[in-house]
Amino acid sequence: MPPADPPPPRPPSPGDGPRAADYLTRAFRLRCPECGRHPIFVPARSVRSLYDWFTPLDGCPECGYAYEREQGYFLLATWVVNYGLVAGGGLAAGLLLQSLTTMSTTRIVLILIAIMPLLSLALVRHAKAAFLAIDHYIDPHVKPPPPSA
């Protein structure tokens, strides 16, 4: 009787891999969502231009995970996550300042107009990393097993 073929590899189940919290922790540390060891961006102390600040590296040198899958991949991260978070936070801060202080609305708006663009620049890397981590958690792009010889 010939030996039985090995069973085909089963797809990973949700309990096999890292949890969503693991991916988000890696994102907030600006690390690769797959292995968590290598940075997604050029370190802040090595940034030489706005391009370095905004653009992720090509991929992880250890696990080979590509950070930007296609042109425009991070548009949703920039518009929804970053700008939405900054605009929502600015609105909440403005309403809170208006209800807790006696400052005029004009003064509150001027303060927020000065702070919000800086906050947006500071959070853009984390917004992209969080988007990458969430996308990787939902659609991990598991590599198919190599064909057996």
N, C-alpha and C. Protein backbone atom coordinates (compact mmCIF):
# COMPACT_ATOMS: atom_id res chain seq x y z
N MET A 1 0.85 -1.17 0.00
CA MET A 1 0.00 0.00 0.00
C MET A 1 0.90 1.25 0.00
N PRO A 2 0.70 2.19 -0.96
CA PRO A 2 1.56 3.38 -1.03
C PRO A 2 1.31 4.29 0.17
N PRO A 3 2.35 5.07 0.55
CA PRO A 3 2.16 5.98 1.69
C PRO A 3 1.13 7.06 1.34
N ALA A 4 0.40 7.45 2.33
CA ALA A 4 -0.65 8.47 2.14
C ALA A 4 0.00 9.83 1.94
N ASP A 5 -0.63 10.63 1.09
CA ASP A 5 -0.15 12.00 0.89
C ASP A 5 -0.34 12.80 2.17
N PRO A 6 0.60 13.71 2.44
CA PRO A 6 0.42 14.54 3.64
C PRO A 6 -0.80 15.44 3.44
N PRO A 7 -1.48 15.75 4.54
CA PRO A 7 -2.66 16.60 4.40
C PRO A 7 -2.25 17.99 3.92
N PRO A 8 -3.11 18.63 3.14
CA PRO A 8 -2.78 19.99 2.67
C PRO A 8 -2.70 20.95 3.85
N PRO A 9 -1.84 21.96 3.74
CA PRO A 9 -1.74 22.91 4.85
C PRO A 9 -3.06 23.65 5.03
N ARG A 10 -3.43 23.81 6.27
CA ARG A 10 -4.69 24.50 6.54
C ARG A 10 -4.45 25.99 6.62
N PRO A 11 -5.43 26.78 6.21
CA PRO A 11 -5.26 28.23 6.33
C PRO A 11 -5.23 28.62 7.80
N PRO A 12 -4.52 29.71 8.11
CA PRO A 12 -4.45 30.10 9.52
C PRO A 12 -5.80 30.53 10.04
N SER A 13 -6.09 30.12 11.24
CA SER A 13 -7.34 30.54 11.87
C SER A 13 -7.06 31.80 12.68
N PRO A 14 -8.11 32.54 13.05
CA PRO A 14 -7.89 33.79 13.76
C PRO A 14 -7.11 33.62 15.07
N GLY A 15 -7.19 32.46 15.71
CA GLY A 15 -6.49 32.26 16.97
C GLY A 15 -5.03 31.90 16.81
N ASP A 16 -4.57 31.63 15.57
CA ASP A 16 -3.19 31.19 15.36
C ASP A 16 -2.18 32.33 15.44
N GLY A 17 -2.51 33.47 14.92
CA GLY A 17 -1.54 34.56 14.81
C GLY A 17 -1.70 35.58 15.91
N PRO A 18 -0.99 36.68 15.75
CA PRO A 18 -1.09 37.76 16.73
C PRO A 18 -2.50 38.35 16.78
N ARG A 19 -2.83 38.91 17.91
CA ARG A 19 -4.13 39.55 18.08
C ARG A 19 -4.07 40.98 17.54
N ALA A 20 -5.22 41.61 17.43
CA ALA A 20 -5.28 42.99 16.94
C ALA A 20 -4.48 43.92 17.85
N ALA A 21 -4.49 43.66 19.15
CA ALA A 21 -3.73 44.51 20.08
C ALA A 21 -2.23 44.41 19.79
N ASP A 22 -1.75 43.23 19.39
CA ASP A 22 -0.33 43.08 19.05
C ASP A 22 0.01 43.94 17.84
N TYR A 23 -0.84 43.92 16.83
CA TYR A 23 -0.60 44.71 15.64
C TYR A 23 -0.63 46.21 15.96
N LEU A 24 -1.59 46.64 16.77
CA LEU A 24 -1.68 48.06 17.11
C LEU A 24 -0.50 48.50 17.98
N THR A 25 -0.03 47.63 18.86
CA THR A 25 1.15 47.95 19.66
C THR A 25 2.37 48.14 18.76
N ARG A 26 2.51 47.25 17.79
CA ARG A 26 3.60 47.40 16.83
C ARG A 26 3.46 48.70 16.04
N ALA A 27 2.23 49.05 15.68
CA ALA A 27 1.99 50.28 14.92
C ALA A 27 2.36 51.51 15.74
N PHE A 28 1.97 51.56 16.99
CA PHE A 28 2.29 52.72 17.81
C PHE A 28 3.78 52.84 18.08
N ARG A 29 4.49 51.72 18.00
CA ARG A 29 5.95 51.74 18.12
C ARG A 29 6.61 51.97 16.76
N LEU A 30 5.80 52.10 15.69
CA LEU A 30 6.25 52.30 14.31
C LEU A 30 7.13 51.14 13.85
N ARG A 31 6.70 49.93 14.14
CA ARG A 31 7.44 48.72 13.79
C ARG A 31 6.65 47.91 12.76
N CYS A 32 7.34 47.00 12.09
CA CYS A 32 6.74 46.13 11.09
C CYS A 32 5.54 45.39 11.69
N PRO A 33 4.38 45.39 11.01
CA PRO A 33 3.23 44.70 11.58
C PRO A 33 3.39 43.18 11.57
N GLU A 34 4.20 42.65 10.71
CA GLU A 34 4.37 41.20 10.61
C GLU A 34 5.29 40.66 11.71
N CYS A 35 6.50 41.19 11.80
CA CYS A 35 7.47 40.66 12.77
C CYS A 35 7.65 41.55 13.99
N GLY A 36 7.38 42.85 13.87
CA GLY A 36 7.49 43.76 14.99
C GLY A 36 8.91 44.15 15.35
N ARG A 37 9.89 43.82 14.52
CA ARG A 37 11.29 44.07 14.88
C ARG A 37 11.90 45.29 14.19
N HIS A 38 11.52 45.55 12.97
CA HIS A 38 12.18 46.61 12.20
C HIS A 38 11.24 47.80 12.00
N PRO A 39 11.82 49.01 11.90
CA PRO A 39 11.00 50.21 11.77
C PRO A 39 10.32 50.31 10.40
N ILE A 40 9.20 51.00 10.40
CA ILE A 40 8.47 51.26 9.15
C ILE A 40 9.02 52.51 8.48
N PHE A 41 9.49 53.47 9.26
CA PHE A 41 9.98 54.75 8.75
C PHE A 41 11.45 54.94 9.12
N VAL A 42 12.06 55.90 8.45
CA VAL A 42 13.40 56.33 8.83
C VAL A 42 13.31 56.86 10.27
N PRO A 43 14.23 56.51 11.15
CA PRO A 43 14.17 57.04 12.53
C PRO A 43 14.12 58.57 12.54
N ALA A 44 13.41 59.14 13.49
CA ALA A 44 13.20 60.59 13.54
C ALA A 44 14.52 61.36 13.57
N ARG A 45 15.52 60.85 14.25
CA ARG A 45 16.80 61.55 14.33
C ARG A 45 17.56 61.54 13.00
N SER A 46 17.16 60.66 12.07
CA SER A 46 17.84 60.56 10.78
C SER A 46 17.07 61.22 9.64
N VAL A 47 15.93 61.83 9.94
CA VAL A 47 15.11 62.46 8.90
C VAL A 47 15.83 63.68 8.36
N ARG A 48 15.93 63.76 7.03
CA ARG A 48 16.62 64.88 6.38
C ARG A 48 15.66 65.77 5.58
N SER A 49 14.44 65.27 5.32
CA SER A 49 13.48 66.05 4.53
C SER A 49 12.07 65.61 4.89
N LEU A 50 11.09 66.36 4.39
CA LEU A 50 9.70 65.96 4.61
C LEU A 50 9.40 64.63 3.94
N TYR A 51 10.07 64.35 2.84
CA TYR A 51 9.89 63.07 2.16
C TYR A 51 10.26 61.92 3.11
N ASP A 52 11.37 62.05 3.81
CA ASP A 52 11.77 61.03 4.78
C ASP A 52 10.74 60.89 5.89
N TRP A 53 10.15 61.99 6.31
CA TRP A 53 9.18 61.96 7.40
C TRP A 53 7.89 61.27 6.98
N PHE A 54 7.43 61.55 5.76
CA PHE A 54 6.13 61.05 5.30
C PHE A 54 6.17 59.66 4.68
N THR A 55 7.28 59.28 4.09
CA THR A 55 7.33 58.06 3.28
C THR A 55 7.88 56.88 4.06
N PRO A 56 7.14 55.77 4.09
CA PRO A 56 7.66 54.57 4.75
C PRO A 56 8.80 53.95 3.94
N LEU A 57 9.59 53.13 4.59
CA LEU A 57 10.63 52.38 3.91
C LEU A 57 9.98 51.39 2.95
N ASP A 58 10.77 50.75 2.11
CA ASP A 58 10.21 49.83 1.11
C ASP A 58 9.57 48.60 1.76
N GLY A 59 10.21 48.07 2.78
CA GLY A 59 9.68 46.88 3.42
C GLY A 59 10.59 46.43 4.55
N CYS A 60 10.19 45.38 5.21
CA CYS A 60 10.95 44.85 6.33
C CYS A 60 12.11 44.00 5.82
N PRO A 61 13.34 44.27 6.26
CA PRO A 61 14.46 43.47 5.79
C PRO A 61 14.48 42.06 6.36
N GLU A 62 13.77 41.83 7.45
CA GLU A 62 13.78 40.50 8.06
C GLU A 62 12.71 39.58 7.48
N CYS A 63 11.47 40.04 7.47
CA CYS A 63 10.38 39.15 7.02
C CYS A 63 9.95 39.42 5.58
N GLY A 64 10.41 40.54 4.99
CA GLY A 64 10.09 40.84 3.60
C GLY A 64 8.72 41.45 3.39
N TYR A 65 8.04 41.86 4.44
CA TYR A 65 6.71 42.44 4.31
C TYR A 65 6.81 43.82 3.65
N ALA A 66 6.10 44.02 2.54
CA ALA A 66 6.11 45.30 1.82
C ALA A 66 5.17 46.27 2.52
N TYR A 67 5.69 47.44 2.87
CA TYR A 67 4.87 48.40 3.61
C TYR A 67 3.86 49.13 2.72
N GLU A 68 4.28 49.53 1.54
CA GLU A 68 3.36 50.22 0.63
C GLU A 68 3.08 49.28 -0.53
N ARG A 69 1.86 48.76 -0.56
CA ARG A 69 1.54 47.72 -1.54
C ARG A 69 1.35 48.27 -2.95
N GLU A 70 0.85 49.49 -3.05
CA GLU A 70 0.59 50.07 -4.36
C GLU A 70 0.59 51.59 -4.24
N GLN A 71 0.62 52.25 -5.37
CA GLN A 71 0.58 53.71 -5.40
C GLN A 71 -0.72 54.19 -4.75
N GLY A 72 -0.64 55.12 -3.83
CA GLY A 72 -1.83 55.66 -3.18
C GLY A 72 -2.37 54.81 -2.04
N TYR A 73 -1.61 53.82 -1.60
CA TYR A 73 -2.06 52.91 -0.55
C TYR A 73 -2.40 53.64 0.75
N PHE A 74 -1.65 54.68 1.08
CA PHE A 74 -1.84 55.37 2.35
C PHE A 74 -2.76 56.58 2.27
N LEU A 75 -3.45 56.79 1.15
CA LEU A 75 -4.37 57.93 1.06
C LEU A 75 -5.47 57.85 2.10
N LEU A 76 -6.03 56.68 2.29
CA LEU A 76 -7.08 56.52 3.29
C LEU A 76 -6.54 56.80 4.68
N ALA A 77 -5.33 56.35 4.95
CA ALA A 77 -4.72 56.60 6.26
C ALA A 77 -4.54 58.10 6.48
N THR A 78 -4.09 58.79 5.46
CA THR A 78 -3.84 60.22 5.60
C THR A 78 -5.14 60.99 5.78
N TRP A 79 -6.13 60.70 4.95
CA TRP A 79 -7.37 61.47 5.00
C TRP A 79 -8.27 61.09 6.15
N VAL A 80 -8.50 59.83 6.35
CA VAL A 80 -9.47 59.42 7.36
C VAL A 80 -8.85 59.37 8.75
N VAL A 81 -7.77 58.62 8.89
CA VAL A 81 -7.20 58.42 10.22
C VAL A 81 -6.56 59.71 10.72
N ASN A 82 -5.62 60.26 9.95
CA ASN A 82 -4.89 61.42 10.43
C ASN A 82 -5.76 62.67 10.50
N TYR A 83 -6.32 63.06 9.37
CA TYR A 83 -7.10 64.30 9.37
C TYR A 83 -8.38 64.16 10.19
N GLY A 84 -8.99 63.00 10.15
CA GLY A 84 -10.20 62.78 10.94
C GLY A 84 -9.92 62.88 12.43
N LEU A 85 -8.81 62.28 12.85
CA LEU A 85 -8.43 62.32 14.26
C LEU A 85 -8.09 63.75 14.68
N VAL A 86 -7.33 64.46 13.87
CA VAL A 86 -6.95 65.83 14.20
C VAL A 86 -8.17 66.74 14.18
N ALA A 87 -9.02 66.63 13.17
CA ALA A 87 -10.21 67.48 13.10
C ALA A 87 -11.19 67.16 14.23
N GLY A 88 -11.39 65.89 14.51
CA GLY A 88 -12.27 65.51 15.62
C GLY A 88 -11.72 65.97 16.96
N GLY A 89 -10.42 65.81 17.14
CA GLY A 89 -9.79 66.28 18.38
C GLY A 89 -9.84 67.79 18.50
N GLY A 90 -9.65 68.49 17.38
CA GLY A 90 -9.74 69.95 17.39
C GLY A 90 -11.14 70.43 17.72
N LEU A 91 -12.13 69.77 17.16
CA LEU A 91 -13.51 70.14 17.45
C LEU A 91 -13.83 69.89 18.92
N ALA A 92 -13.43 68.73 19.43
CA ALA A 92 -13.67 68.41 20.84
C ALA A 92 -12.94 69.40 21.75
N ALA A 93 -11.68 69.71 21.42
CA ALA A 93 -10.92 70.67 22.23
C ALA A 93 -11.56 72.05 22.18
N GLY A 94 -12.01 72.46 21.00
CA GLY A 94 -12.66 73.77 20.88
C GLY A 94 -13.94 73.86 21.69
N LEU A 95 -14.76 72.82 21.63
CA LEU A 95 -16.00 72.82 22.42
C LEU A 95 -15.71 72.78 23.92
N LEU A 96 -14.69 72.01 24.29
CA LEU A 96 -14.32 71.92 25.70
C LEU A 96 -13.79 73.27 26.20
N LEU A 97 -12.93 73.91 25.41
CA LEU A 97 -12.41 75.23 25.80
C LEU A 97 -13.52 76.26 25.89
N GLN A 98 -14.47 76.17 24.97
CA GLN A 98 -15.55 77.14 24.98
C GLN A 98 -16.45 76.96 26.20
N SER A 99 -16.65 75.71 26.63
CA SER A 99 -17.53 75.49 27.77
C SER A 99 -16.83 75.70 29.11
N LEU A 100 -15.51 75.51 29.16
CA LEU A 100 -14.79 75.60 30.44
C LEU A 100 -14.07 76.93 30.67
N THR A 101 -13.91 77.72 29.63
CA THR A 101 -13.19 78.99 29.79
C THR A 101 -14.07 80.15 29.33
N THR A 102 -13.56 81.34 29.56
CA THR A 102 -14.28 82.54 29.09
C THR A 102 -13.62 83.13 27.85
N MET A 103 -12.75 82.36 27.19
CA MET A 103 -12.11 82.85 25.97
C MET A 103 -13.14 83.04 24.87
N SER A 104 -12.87 84.00 24.01
CA SER A 104 -13.76 84.22 22.88
C SER A 104 -13.60 83.10 21.85
N THR A 105 -14.60 82.91 21.04
CA THR A 105 -14.56 81.89 20.00
C THR A 105 -13.44 82.17 19.02
N THR A 106 -13.21 83.43 18.70
CA THR A 106 -12.13 83.80 17.78
C THR A 106 -10.77 83.38 18.32
N ARG A 107 -10.54 83.62 19.59
CA ARG A 107 -9.27 83.25 20.21
C ARG A 107 -9.08 81.74 20.21
N ILE A 108 -10.13 80.99 20.52
CA ILE A 108 -10.07 79.52 20.52
C ILE A 108 -9.74 79.02 19.12
N VAL A 109 -10.40 79.57 18.11
CA VAL A 109 -10.16 79.15 16.73
C VAL A 109 -8.72 79.46 16.32
N LEU A 110 -8.21 80.62 16.69
CA LEU A 110 -6.83 80.97 16.35
C LEU A 110 -5.82 80.04 17.03
N ILE A 111 -6.08 79.68 18.27
CA ILE A 111 -5.20 78.74 18.97
C ILE A 111 -5.22 77.38 18.27
N LEU A 112 -6.40 76.91 17.93
CA LEU A 112 -6.51 75.60 17.28
C LEU A 112 -5.92 75.62 15.87
N ILE A 113 -6.06 76.73 15.16
CA ILE A 113 -5.47 76.83 13.82
C ILE A 113 -3.95 76.76 13.90
N ALA A 114 -3.38 77.24 14.97
CA ALA A 114 -1.93 77.18 15.14
C ALA A 114 -1.46 75.77 15.53
N ILE A 115 -2.26 75.07 16.31
CA ILE A 115 -1.84 73.77 16.85
C ILE A 115 -2.15 72.60 15.91
N MET A 116 -3.30 72.61 15.26
CA MET A 116 -3.76 71.44 14.49
C MET A 116 -2.83 71.03 13.34
N PRO A 117 -2.27 71.94 12.54
CA PRO A 117 -1.34 71.48 11.50
C PRO A 117 -0.09 70.81 12.06
N LEU A 118 0.42 71.32 13.16
CA LEU A 118 1.59 70.70 13.79
C LEU A 118 1.24 69.31 14.32
N LEU A 119 0.07 69.20 14.91
CA LEU A 119 -0.39 67.90 15.41
C LEU A 119 -0.56 66.91 14.26
N SER A 120 -1.08 67.40 13.14
CA SER A 120 -1.24 66.54 11.97
C SER A 120 0.10 66.04 11.45
N LEU A 121 1.09 66.90 11.40
CA LEU A 121 2.43 66.48 10.97
C LEU A 121 3.03 65.47 11.94
N ALA A 122 2.78 65.66 13.22
CA ALA A 122 3.34 64.75 14.22
C ALA A 122 2.68 63.37 14.17
N LEU A 123 1.40 63.32 13.82
CA LEU A 123 0.66 62.06 13.85
C LEU A 123 0.62 61.30 12.54
N VAL A 124 1.13 61.87 11.45
CA VAL A 124 0.99 61.23 10.15
C VAL A 124 1.67 59.87 10.11
N ARG A 125 2.80 59.71 10.72
CA ARG A 125 3.50 58.42 10.72
C ARG A 125 2.70 57.37 11.49
N HIS A 126 2.16 57.78 12.62
CA HIS A 126 1.38 56.83 13.42
C HIS A 126 0.06 56.47 12.72
N ALA A 127 -0.52 57.42 11.99
CA ALA A 127 -1.74 57.11 11.24
C ALA A 127 -1.45 56.08 10.16
N LYS A 128 -0.34 56.24 9.45
CA LYS A 128 0.02 55.27 8.41
C LYS A 128 0.35 53.92 9.01
N ALA A 129 1.06 53.91 10.12
CA ALA A 129 1.41 52.64 10.77
C ALA A 129 0.16 51.93 11.30
N ALA A 130 -0.78 52.68 11.87
CA ALA A 130 -2.02 52.08 12.36
C ALA A 130 -2.85 51.52 11.19
N PHE A 131 -2.91 52.27 10.09
CA PHE A 131 -3.63 51.79 8.92
C PHE A 131 -3.00 50.51 8.38
N LEU A 132 -1.69 50.47 8.32
CA LEU A 132 -0.96 49.29 7.85
C LEU A 132 -1.23 48.10 8.77
N ALA A 133 -1.21 48.32 10.07
CA ALA A 133 -1.45 47.24 11.03
C ALA A 133 -2.87 46.71 10.94
N ILE A 134 -3.84 47.60 10.84
CA ILE A 134 -5.23 47.18 10.75
C ILE A 134 -5.47 46.43 9.44
N ASP A 135 -4.92 46.94 8.35
CA ASP A 135 -5.06 46.27 7.06
C ASP A 135 -4.41 44.89 7.09
N HIS A 136 -3.25 44.80 7.72
CA HIS A 136 -2.56 43.50 7.80
C HIS A 136 -3.33 42.53 8.69
N TYR A 137 -3.97 43.02 9.73
CA TYR A 137 -4.76 42.15 10.60
C TYR A 137 -5.99 41.61 9.86
N ILE A 138 -6.65 42.48 9.10
CA ILE A 138 -7.87 42.08 8.39
C ILE A 138 -7.54 41.22 7.17
N ASP A 139 -6.51 41.60 6.43
CA ASP A 139 -6.14 40.91 5.19
C ASP A 139 -4.64 40.63 5.21
N PRO A 140 -4.20 39.54 5.88
CA PRO A 140 -2.77 39.34 6.13
C PRO A 140 -1.92 39.00 4.93
N HIS A 141 -2.50 38.69 3.79
CA HIS A 141 -1.73 38.34 2.60
C HIS A 141 -0.73 37.22 2.91
N VAL A 142 -1.26 36.13 3.42
CA VAL A 142 -0.42 34.99 3.77
C VAL A 142 0.20 34.43 2.50
N LYS A 143 1.50 34.19 2.55
CA LYS A 143 2.20 33.66 1.38
C LYS A 143 1.80 32.20 1.20
N PRO A 144 1.54 31.76 -0.04
CA PRO A 144 1.19 30.36 -0.25
C PRO A 144 2.40 29.47 0.03
N PRO A 145 2.15 28.25 0.52
CA PRO A 145 3.29 27.37 0.79
C PRO A 145 4.01 27.01 -0.51
N PRO A 146 5.34 26.81 -0.43
CA PRO A 146 6.08 26.48 -1.65
C PRO A 146 5.64 25.10 -2.19
N PRO A 147 5.63 24.96 -3.50
CA PRO A 147 5.22 23.67 -4.06
C PRO A 147 6.21 22.58 -3.65
N SER A 148 5.65 21.42 -3.31
CA SER A 148 6.51 20.31 -2.90
C SER A 148 7.14 19.67 -4.12
N ALA A 149 8.39 19.28 -3.99
CA ALA A 149 9.11 18.72 -5.12
C ALA A 149 8.91 17.22 -5.20
